[in-house]
C-alpha atoms as a PDB file:
ATOM      1  CA  MET A   1      -0.567  11.920   6.172  1.00  0.00           C
ATOM      2  CA  LYS A   2      -2.997  14.748   6.912  1.00  0.00           C
ATOM      3  CA  ILE A   3      -4.525  14.163  10.342  1.00  0.00           C
ATOM      4  CA  VAL A   4      -7.207  16.775  10.980  1.00  0.00           C
ATOM      5  CA  GLY A   5      -8.640  15.599  14.295  1.00  0.00           C
ATOM      6  CA  PHE A   6      -7.519  13.647  17.347  1.00  0.00           C
ATOM      7  CA  ILE A   7      -9.315  12.458  20.472  1.00  0.00           C
ATOM      8  CA  ARG A   8      -6.786  11.406  23.097  1.00  0.00           C
ATOM      9  CA  THR A   9      -9.010   8.966  24.965  1.00  0.00           C
ATOM     10  CA  THR A  10     -12.421   7.482  24.204  1.00  0.00           C
ATOM     11  CA  LEU A  11     -14.463   4.677  25.701  1.00  0.00           C
ATOM     12  CA  LEU A  12     -17.285   5.221  23.210  1.00  0.00           C
ATOM     13  CA  ASP A  13     -15.709   4.639  19.792  1.00  0.00           C
ATOM     14  CA  TRP A  14     -14.700   1.030  20.465  1.00  0.00           C
ATOM     15  CA  ASP A  15     -16.749  -1.099  22.854  1.00  0.00           C
ATOM     16  CA  GLY A  16     -14.681  -2.608  25.658  1.00  0.00           C
ATOM     17  CA  MET A  17     -11.508  -0.810  24.595  1.00  0.00           C
ATOM     18  CA  VAL A  18      -9.629   2.254  25.757  1.00  0.00           C
ATOM     19  CA  ALA A  19      -8.794   3.955  22.490  1.00  0.00           C
ATOM     20  CA  CYS A  20      -7.825   7.204  20.857  1.00  0.00           C
ATOM     21  CA  THR A  21      -9.353   8.378  17.586  1.00  0.00           C
ATOM     22  CA  ILE A  22      -7.609   9.817  14.535  1.00  0.00           C
ATOM     23  CA  TYR A  23      -9.633  11.721  11.933  1.00  0.00           C
ATOM     24  CA  LEU A  24      -8.504  11.954   8.316  1.00  0.00           C
ATOM     25  CA  ALA A  25      -9.804  14.513   5.817  1.00  0.00           C
ATOM     26  CA  GLU A  26     -11.795  13.892   2.602  1.00  0.00           C
ATOM     27  CA  CYS A  27     -14.962  11.961   1.923  1.00  0.00           C
ATOM     28  CA  ASP A  28     -16.750  10.929  -1.257  1.00  0.00           C
ATOM     29  CA  PHE A  29     -20.182  11.010   0.401  1.00  0.00           C
ATOM     30  CA  ARG A  30     -22.190  14.108   1.299  1.00  0.00           C
ATOM     31  CA  CYS A  31     -24.573  12.765   3.931  1.00  0.00           C
ATOM     32  CA  PRO A  32     -26.864  15.612   5.048  1.00  0.00           C
ATOM     33  CA  TYR A  33     -26.557  14.727   8.756  1.00  0.00           C
ATOM     34  CA  CYS A  34     -22.738  14.499   8.757  1.00  0.00           C
ATOM     35  CA  HIS A  35     -21.194  16.273  11.774  1.00  0.00           C
ATOM     36  CA  ASN A  36     -17.692  16.538  10.261  1.00  0.00           C
ATOM     37  CA  LYS A  37     -18.789  19.244   7.873  1.00  0.00           C
ATOM     38  CA  GLU A  38     -15.515  21.099   7.384  1.00  0.00           C
ATOM     39  CA  ILE A  39     -13.265  18.115   6.725  1.00  0.00           C
ATOM     40  CA  VAL A  40     -15.788  16.768   4.203  1.00  0.00           C
ATOM     41  CA  LEU A  41     -16.564  19.948   2.271  1.00  0.00           C
ATOM     42  CA  ASN A  42     -13.199  21.711   2.546  1.00  0.00           C
ATOM     43  CA  PRO A  43     -10.532  19.110   3.338  1.00  0.00           C
ATOM     44  CA  GLU A  44      -7.791  21.226   1.794  1.00  0.00           C
ATOM     45  CA  LYS A  45      -8.552  24.029   4.272  1.00  0.00           C
ATOM     46  CA  ALA A  46      -8.720  21.811   7.348  1.00  0.00           C
ATOM     47  CA  ASP A  47      -5.930  22.455   9.835  1.00  0.00           C
ATOM     48  CA  GLU A  48      -3.347  19.681   9.854  1.00  0.00           C
ATOM     49  CA  LEU A  49      -2.304  18.440  13.263  1.00  0.00           C
ATOM     50  CA  ASP A  50       1.272  17.681  14.222  1.00  0.00           C
ATOM     51  CA  ASN A  51       1.660  13.999  13.393  1.00  0.00           C
ATOM     52  CA  GLU A  52       4.726  13.513  15.554  1.00  0.00           C
ATOM     53  CA  LYS A  53       2.974  14.883  18.626  1.00  0.00           C
ATOM     54  CA  ILE A  54       0.130  12.428  18.057  1.00  0.00           C
ATOM     55  CA  PHE A  55       2.473   9.486  17.522  1.00  0.00           C
ATOM     56  CA  ASN A  56       4.500  10.472  20.597  1.00  0.00           C
ATOM     57  CA  TYR A  57       1.334  10.613  22.705  1.00  0.00           C
ATOM     58  CA  ILE A  58       0.279   7.160  21.525  1.00  0.00           C
ATOM     59  CA  GLN A  59       3.735   5.702  22.130  1.00  0.00           C
ATOM     60  CA  GLU A  60       3.982   7.258  25.593  1.00  0.00           C
ATOM     61  CA  ASN A  61       0.554   5.885  26.522  1.00  0.00           C
ATOM     62  CA  SER A  62       0.821   2.495  24.849  1.00  0.00           C
ATOM     63  CA  ASP A  63       0.503   0.774  28.229  1.00  0.00           C
ATOM     64  CA  PHE A  64      -2.828   2.549  28.770  1.00  0.00           C
ATOM     65  CA  LEU A  65      -4.328   2.556  25.281  1.00  0.00           C
ATOM     66  CA  ASP A  66      -5.699  -0.642  23.745  1.00  0.00           C
ATOM     67  CA  GLY A  67      -6.028   0.671  20.222  1.00  0.00           C
ATOM     68  CA  VAL A  68      -6.633   3.432  17.704  1.00  0.00           C
ATOM     69  CA  VAL A  69      -9.833   4.195  15.818  1.00  0.00           C
ATOM     70  CA  ILE A  70      -9.210   5.646  12.346  1.00  0.00           C
ATOM     71  CA  SER A  71     -12.183   7.674  11.161  1.00  0.00           C
ATOM     72  CA  GLY A  72     -12.979  10.619   8.928  1.00  0.00           C
ATOM     73  CA  GLY A  73     -14.051  11.703   6.462  1.00  0.00           C
ATOM     74  CA  GLU A  74     -13.506   8.429   4.654  1.00  0.00           C
ATOM     75  CA  PRO A  75     -10.120   6.905   5.575  1.00  0.00           C
ATOM     76  CA  THR A  76      -9.978   4.482   2.623  1.00  0.00           C
ATOM     77  CA  LEU A  77      -9.552   7.425   0.240  1.00  0.00           C
ATOM     78  CA  ASN A  78      -6.112   8.122   1.732  1.00  0.00           C
ATOM     79  CA  LYS A  79      -3.297   6.378  -0.130  1.00  0.00           C
ATOM     80  CA  ASP A  80      -1.077   6.586   2.954  1.00  0.00           C
ATOM     81  CA  LEU A  81      -3.560   4.682   5.141  1.00  0.00           C
ATOM     82  CA  PRO A  82      -1.591   1.386   5.088  1.00  0.00           C
ATOM     83  CA  GLN A  83       1.567   3.210   6.194  1.00  0.00           C
ATOM     84  CA  LEU A  84      -0.319   4.903   9.026  1.00  0.00           C
ATOM     85  CA  ILE A  85      -1.731   1.592  10.208  1.00  0.00           C
ATOM     86  CA  LYS A  86       1.662  -0.124  10.058  1.00  0.00           C
ATOM     87  CA  LYS A  87       3.181   2.652  12.150  1.00  0.00           C
ATOM     88  CA  LEU A  88       0.435   2.384  14.763  1.00  0.00           C
ATOM     89  CA  ARG A  89       0.625  -1.404  14.869  1.00  0.00           C
ATOM     90  CA  GLY A  90       4.365  -1.048  15.395  1.00  0.00           C
ATOM     91  CA  MET A  91       3.498   0.764  18.624  1.00  0.00           C
ATOM     92  CA  GLY A  92       1.445  -2.211  19.739  1.00  0.00           C
ATOM     93  CA  MET A  93      -1.910  -0.681  18.855  1.00  0.00           C
ATOM     94  CA  LYS A  94      -4.930  -2.583  17.637  1.00  0.00           C
ATOM     95  CA  ILE A  95      -6.820  -0.843  14.814  1.00  0.00           C
ATOM     96  CA  LYS A  96     -10.502  -0.150  14.260  1.00  0.00           C
ATOM     97  CA  LEU A  97     -11.467   1.351  10.907  1.00  0.00           C
ATOM     98  CA  ASP A  98     -14.614   3.435  10.384  1.00  0.00           C
ATOM     99  CA  THR A  99     -15.722   3.366   6.745  1.00  0.00           C
ATOM    100  CA  ASN A 100     -18.623   4.084   4.412  1.00  0.00           C
ATOM    101  CA  GLY A 101     -17.834   0.810   2.633  1.00  0.00           C
ATOM    102  CA  TYR A 102     -17.618   2.339  -0.826  1.00  0.00           C
ATOM    103  CA  HIS A 103     -14.093   1.060  -1.554  1.00  0.00           C
ATOM    104  CA  PRO A 104     -14.254  -2.717  -1.163  1.00  0.00           C
ATOM    105  CA  ASP A 105     -10.882  -3.317  -2.861  1.00  0.00           C
ATOM    106  CA  VAL A 106      -9.078  -1.208  -0.255  1.00  0.00           C
ATOM    107  CA  LEU A 107     -11.049  -2.836   2.535  1.00  0.00           C
ATOM    108  CA  GLU A 108     -10.250  -6.313   1.246  1.00  0.00           C
ATOM    109  CA  ASP A 109      -6.542  -5.505   0.967  1.00  0.00           C
ATOM    110  CA  LEU A 110      -6.342  -4.105   4.504  1.00  0.00           C
ATOM    111  CA  ILE A 111      -8.203  -7.045   6.021  1.00  0.00           C
ATOM    112  CA  GLY A 112      -6.196  -9.546   3.958  1.00  0.00           C
ATOM    113  CA  ALA A 113      -2.929  -7.999   5.149  1.00  0.00           C
ATOM    114  CA  GLY A 114      -4.026  -8.395   8.764  1.00  0.00           C
ATOM    115  CA  TYR A 115      -3.935  -4.636   9.364  1.00  0.00           C
ATOM    116  CA  ILE A 116      -7.395  -4.272  10.922  1.00  0.00           C
ATOM    117  CA  ASP A 117      -8.791  -5.738  14.142  1.00  0.00           C
ATOM    118  CA  LYS A 118     -12.285  -4.312  13.782  1.00  0.00           C
ATOM    119  CA  VAL A 119     -14.243  -2.515  11.072  1.00  0.00           C
ATOM    120  CA  ALA A 120     -17.359  -0.391  11.472  1.00  0.00           C
ATOM    121  CA  MET A 121     -19.324   0.206   8.271  1.00  0.00           C
ATOM    122  CA  ASP A 122     -22.094   2.750   8.023  1.00  0.00           C
ATOM    123  CA  ILE A 123     -25.174   1.581   6.151  1.00  0.00           C
ATOM    124  CA  LYS A 124     -26.974   4.754   5.242  1.00  0.00           C
ATOM    125  CA  ALA A 125     -30.221   3.454   3.764  1.00  0.00           C
ATOM    126  CA  PRO A 126     -31.845   0.505   1.998  1.00  0.00           C
ATOM    127  CA  LEU A 127     -29.439  -0.719  -0.681  1.00  0.00           C
ATOM    128  CA  THR A 128     -31.180   0.626  -3.760  1.00  0.00           C
ATOM    129  CA  LYS A 129     -29.533   3.175  -5.995  1.00  0.00           C
ATOM    130  CA  GLU A 130     -32.261   5.794  -5.551  1.00  0.00           C
ATOM    131  CA  ARG A 131     -32.576   5.592  -1.769  1.00  0.00           C
ATOM    132  CA  TYR A 132     -28.892   5.255  -1.000  1.00  0.00           C
ATOM    133  CA  SER A 133     -27.876   8.063  -3.340  1.00  0.00           C
ATOM    134  CA  ALA A 134     -30.405  10.365  -1.677  1.00  0.00           C
ATOM    135  CA  VAL A 135     -29.000   9.753   1.802  1.00  0.00           C
ATOM    136  CA  ALA A 136     -25.333   9.683   0.752  1.00  0.00           C
ATOM    137  CA  GLY A 137     -25.785  12.941  -1.147  1.00  0.00           C
ATOM    138  CA  THR A 138     -24.121  11.629  -4.304  1.00  0.00           C
ATOM    139  CA  ASP A 139     -24.651   9.029  -7.028  1.00  0.00           C
ATOM    140  CA  ILE A 140     -24.041   5.560  -5.549  1.00  0.00           C
ATOM    141  CA  ASP A 141     -23.492   2.072  -6.968  1.00  0.00           C
ATOM    142  CA  PRO A 142     -25.069  -0.224  -4.331  1.00  0.00           C
ATOM    143  CA  GLU A 143     -23.138  -3.233  -5.643  1.00  0.00           C
ATOM    144  CA  LEU A 144     -19.913  -1.818  -4.185  1.00  0.00           C
ATOM    145  CA  LEU A 145     -21.586  -1.565  -0.782  1.00  0.00           C
ATOM    146  CA  LYS A 146     -22.958  -5.098  -1.020  1.00  0.00           C
ATOM    147  CA  ARG A 147     -19.487  -6.351  -1.813  1.00  0.00           C
ATOM    148  CA  SER A 148     -18.051  -4.608   1.257  1.00  0.00           C
ATOM    149  CA  ILE A 149     -20.759  -6.127   3.439  1.00  0.00           C
ATOM    150  CA  LYS A 150     -19.843  -9.581   2.150  1.00  0.00           C
ATOM    151  CA  ILE A 151     -16.123  -8.986   2.667  1.00  0.00           C
ATOM    152  CA  ILE A 152     -16.695  -7.811   6.230  1.00  0.00           C
ATOM    153  CA  MET A 153     -19.059 -10.604   7.210  1.00  0.00           C
ATOM    154  CA  GLU A 154     -16.721 -13.264   5.821  1.00  0.00           C
ATOM    155  CA  SER A 155     -13.521 -11.667   7.150  1.00  0.00           C
ATOM    156  CA  GLY A 156     -13.300 -13.429  10.498  1.00  0.00           C
ATOM    157  CA  ILE A 157     -12.474 -10.152  12.278  1.00  0.00           C
ATOM    158  CA  ASP A 158     -14.720  -8.223  14.641  1.00  0.00           C
ATOM    159  CA  TYR A 159     -17.149  -5.836  12.965  1.00  0.00           C
ATOM    160  CA  GLU A 160     -20.295  -3.790  13.285  1.00  0.00           C
ATOM    161  CA  PHE A 161     -22.751  -2.182  10.921  1.00  0.00           C
ATOM    162  CA  ARG A 162     -24.524   0.998  11.934  1.00  0.00           C
ATOM    163  CA  THR A 163     -27.303   3.262  10.720  1.00  0.00           C
ATOM    164  CA  THR A 164     -28.026   6.845  11.732  1.00  0.00           C
ATOM    165  CA  CYS A 165     -31.788   7.131  12.207  1.00  0.00           C
ATOM    166  CA  SER A 166     -32.415  10.583  10.821  1.00  0.00           C
ATOM    167  CA  PRO A 167     -36.079  11.530  10.330  1.00  0.00           C
ATOM    168  CA  ILE A 168     -36.977  12.263   6.675  1.00  0.00           C
ATOM    169  CA  LEU A 169     -33.944  10.319   5.436  1.00  0.00           C
ATOM    170  CA  ILE A 170     -34.618   7.022   7.246  1.00  0.00           C
ATOM    171  CA  LYS A 171     -38.090   5.658   7.923  1.00  0.00           C
ATOM    172  CA  PRO A 172     -38.822   2.969  10.534  1.00  0.00           C
ATOM    173  CA  GLU A 173     -39.795   0.497   7.802  1.00  0.00           C
ATOM    174  CA  ASP A 174     -36.366   0.964   6.149  1.00  0.00           C
ATOM    175  CA  ILE A 175     -34.756  -1.057   8.943  1.00  0.00           C
ATOM    176  CA  GLU A 176     -36.478  -4.161   7.585  1.00  0.00           C
ATOM    177  CA  GLU A 177     -34.801  -3.713   4.190  1.00  0.00           C
ATOM    178  CA  ILE A 178     -31.405  -2.898   5.702  1.00  0.00           C
ATOM    179  CA  GLY A 179     -31.747  -5.915   7.986  1.00  0.00           C
ATOM    180  CA  LYS A 180     -32.267  -8.211   5.016  1.00  0.00           C
ATOM    181  CA  ALA A 181     -29.040  -6.908   3.449  1.00  0.00           C
ATOM    182  CA  ILE A 182     -26.994  -7.806   6.558  1.00  0.00           C
ATOM    183  CA  LYS A 183     -28.898 -10.902   7.629  1.00  0.00           C
ATOM    184  CA  GLY A 184     -26.830 -12.932  10.080  1.00  0.00           C
ATOM    185  CA  ALA A 185     -24.566  -9.998  11.025  1.00  0.00           C
ATOM    186  CA  LYS A 186     -22.905 -10.171  14.433  1.00  0.00           C
ATOM    187  CA  ASN A 187     -23.440  -6.541  15.417  1.00  0.00           C
ATOM    188  CA  TYR A 188     -25.785  -3.804  14.220  1.00  0.00           C
ATOM    189  CA  ASN A 189     -26.034  -0.422  15.909  1.00  0.00           C
ATOM    190  CA  LEU A 190     -28.785   2.146  15.447  1.00  0.00           C
ATOM    191  CA  GLN A 191     -27.629   5.674  16.168  1.00  0.00           C
ATOM    192  CA  GLN A 192     -29.940   8.439  17.266  1.00  0.00           C
ATOM    193  CA  PHE A 193     -29.809  11.503  15.023  1.00  0.00           C
ATOM    194  CA  ARG A 194     -28.398  14.641  16.651  1.00  0.00           C
ATOM    195  CA  PRO A 195     -29.478  17.901  14.966  1.00  0.00           C
ATOM    196  CA  LYS A 196     -26.292  19.927  15.377  1.00  0.00           C
ATOM    197  CA  ILE A 197     -23.616  21.109  12.975  1.00  0.00           C
ATOM    198  CA  CYS A 198     -25.101  19.082  10.112  1.00  0.00           C
ATOM    199  CA  LEU A 199     -23.656  19.281   6.626  1.00  0.00           C
ATOM    200  CA  ASP A 200     -27.145  20.283   5.475  1.00  0.00           C
ATOM    201  CA  ASP A 201     -28.068  22.922   8.040  1.00  0.00           C
ATOM    202  CA  ARG A 202     -31.788  22.401   7.362  1.00  0.00           C
ATOM    203  CA  LEU A 203     -31.553  19.217   9.409  1.00  0.00           C
ATOM    204  CA  GLU A 204     -30.539  21.235  12.449  1.00  0.00           C
ATOM    205  CA  HIS A 205     -34.194  22.249  12.807  1.00  0.00           C
ATOM    206  CA  ILE A 206     -35.598  18.709  12.704  1.00  0.00           C
ATOM    207  CA  ASP A 207     -36.501  16.879  15.899  1.00  0.00           C
ATOM    208  CA  PRO A 208     -34.972  13.406  16.342  1.00  0.00           C
ATOM    209  CA  TYR A 209     -37.204  10.372  16.522  1.00  0.00           C
ATOM    210  CA  LYS A 210     -38.697   9.697  19.931  1.00  0.00           C
ATOM    211  CA  ASP A 211     -36.821   7.059  21.891  1.00  0.00           C
ATOM    212  CA  SER A 212     -39.788   4.714  21.611  1.00  0.00           C
ATOM    213  CA  VAL A 213     -39.592   4.817  17.799  1.00  0.00           C
ATOM    214  CA  ILE A 214     -35.864   4.008  17.784  1.00  0.00           C
ATOM    215  CA  LEU A 215     -36.450   1.115  20.186  1.00  0.00           C
ATOM    216  CA  GLU A 216     -39.144  -0.272  17.885  1.00  0.00           C
ATOM    217  CA  MET A 217     -36.682  -0.033  14.998  1.00  0.00           C
ATOM    218  CA  ALA A 218     -34.190  -1.991  17.100  1.00  0.00           C
ATOM    219  CA  GLU A 219     -36.763  -4.736  17.655  1.00  0.00           C
ATOM    220  CA  THR A 220     -37.138  -5.037  13.878  1.00  0.00           C
ATOM    221  CA  ALA A 221     -33.351  -5.205  13.480  1.00  0.00           C
ATOM    222  CA  LYS A 222     -33.125  -8.074  15.977  1.00  0.00           C
ATOM    223  CA  LYS A 223     -34.799 -10.333  13.429  1.00  0.00           C
ATOM    224  CA  TYR A 224     -31.689 -10.049  11.270  1.00  0.00           C
ATOM    225  CA  ALA A 225     -28.644  -9.257  13.444  1.00  0.00           C
ATOM    226  CA  LYS A 226     -27.413 -11.224  16.441  1.00  0.00           C
ATOM    227  CA  ASN A 227     -26.559  -8.214  18.622  1.00  0.00           C
ATOM    228  CA  VAL A 228     -28.452  -4.948  18.241  1.00  0.00           C
ATOM    229  CA  LYS A 229     -27.625  -1.803  20.188  1.00  0.00           C
ATOM    230  CA  VAL A 230     -29.102   1.677  20.239  1.00  0.00           C
ATOM    231  CA  ARG A 231     -26.725   4.582  20.779  1.00  0.00           C
ATOM    232  CA  GLY A 232     -27.412   8.156  21.692  1.00  0.00           C
ATOM    233  CA  LEU A 233     -30.717   7.890  23.562  1.00  0.00           C
END
């Protein structure tokens, strides 16, 4: 299991929980605003952390930590993900999985096995092939994403959908279309774009939307999702 990043304590990655975050290498998307540039473009060159040190830290702090967030990269690409989750659950940890939703079979298996307590799926753009492929930076089949959305919403576990509001890539009116695709969702988070260390360095020179624009987008989202939050303002 190649762990390439570890945050010992976070109150931001899982609402209401004291968690740590594990980052796995590899991703099949190439989103221009991605901040994890090196582990996406060159996963084979990413430094591998000492797994035992990480597991020892989690075990030693199991009375303090509520759970572990597994992020990336795209964790569902890793064949050893179930083994990692089982090991962490054996330490008494709850598990939140961050995913791009492009591997619904893996997601369904993990949820069905009771391995995940919460899932956070990024929704990059309106669910059309042209728009989604442009934002994901690769050719996308939207039907796989729609299937993941359905699996998540019918799973019975806690979940959230989230969209990074990057100017040029996402327009305010796109939130209407995304909202329709997740109508009835429990939680939807809009994330402010941060122009730093982007996979496409041209985005580092683009100003984020004004707070007022993001808040208007959130008002649109409230027509479709029960709980809407804005992060990063």
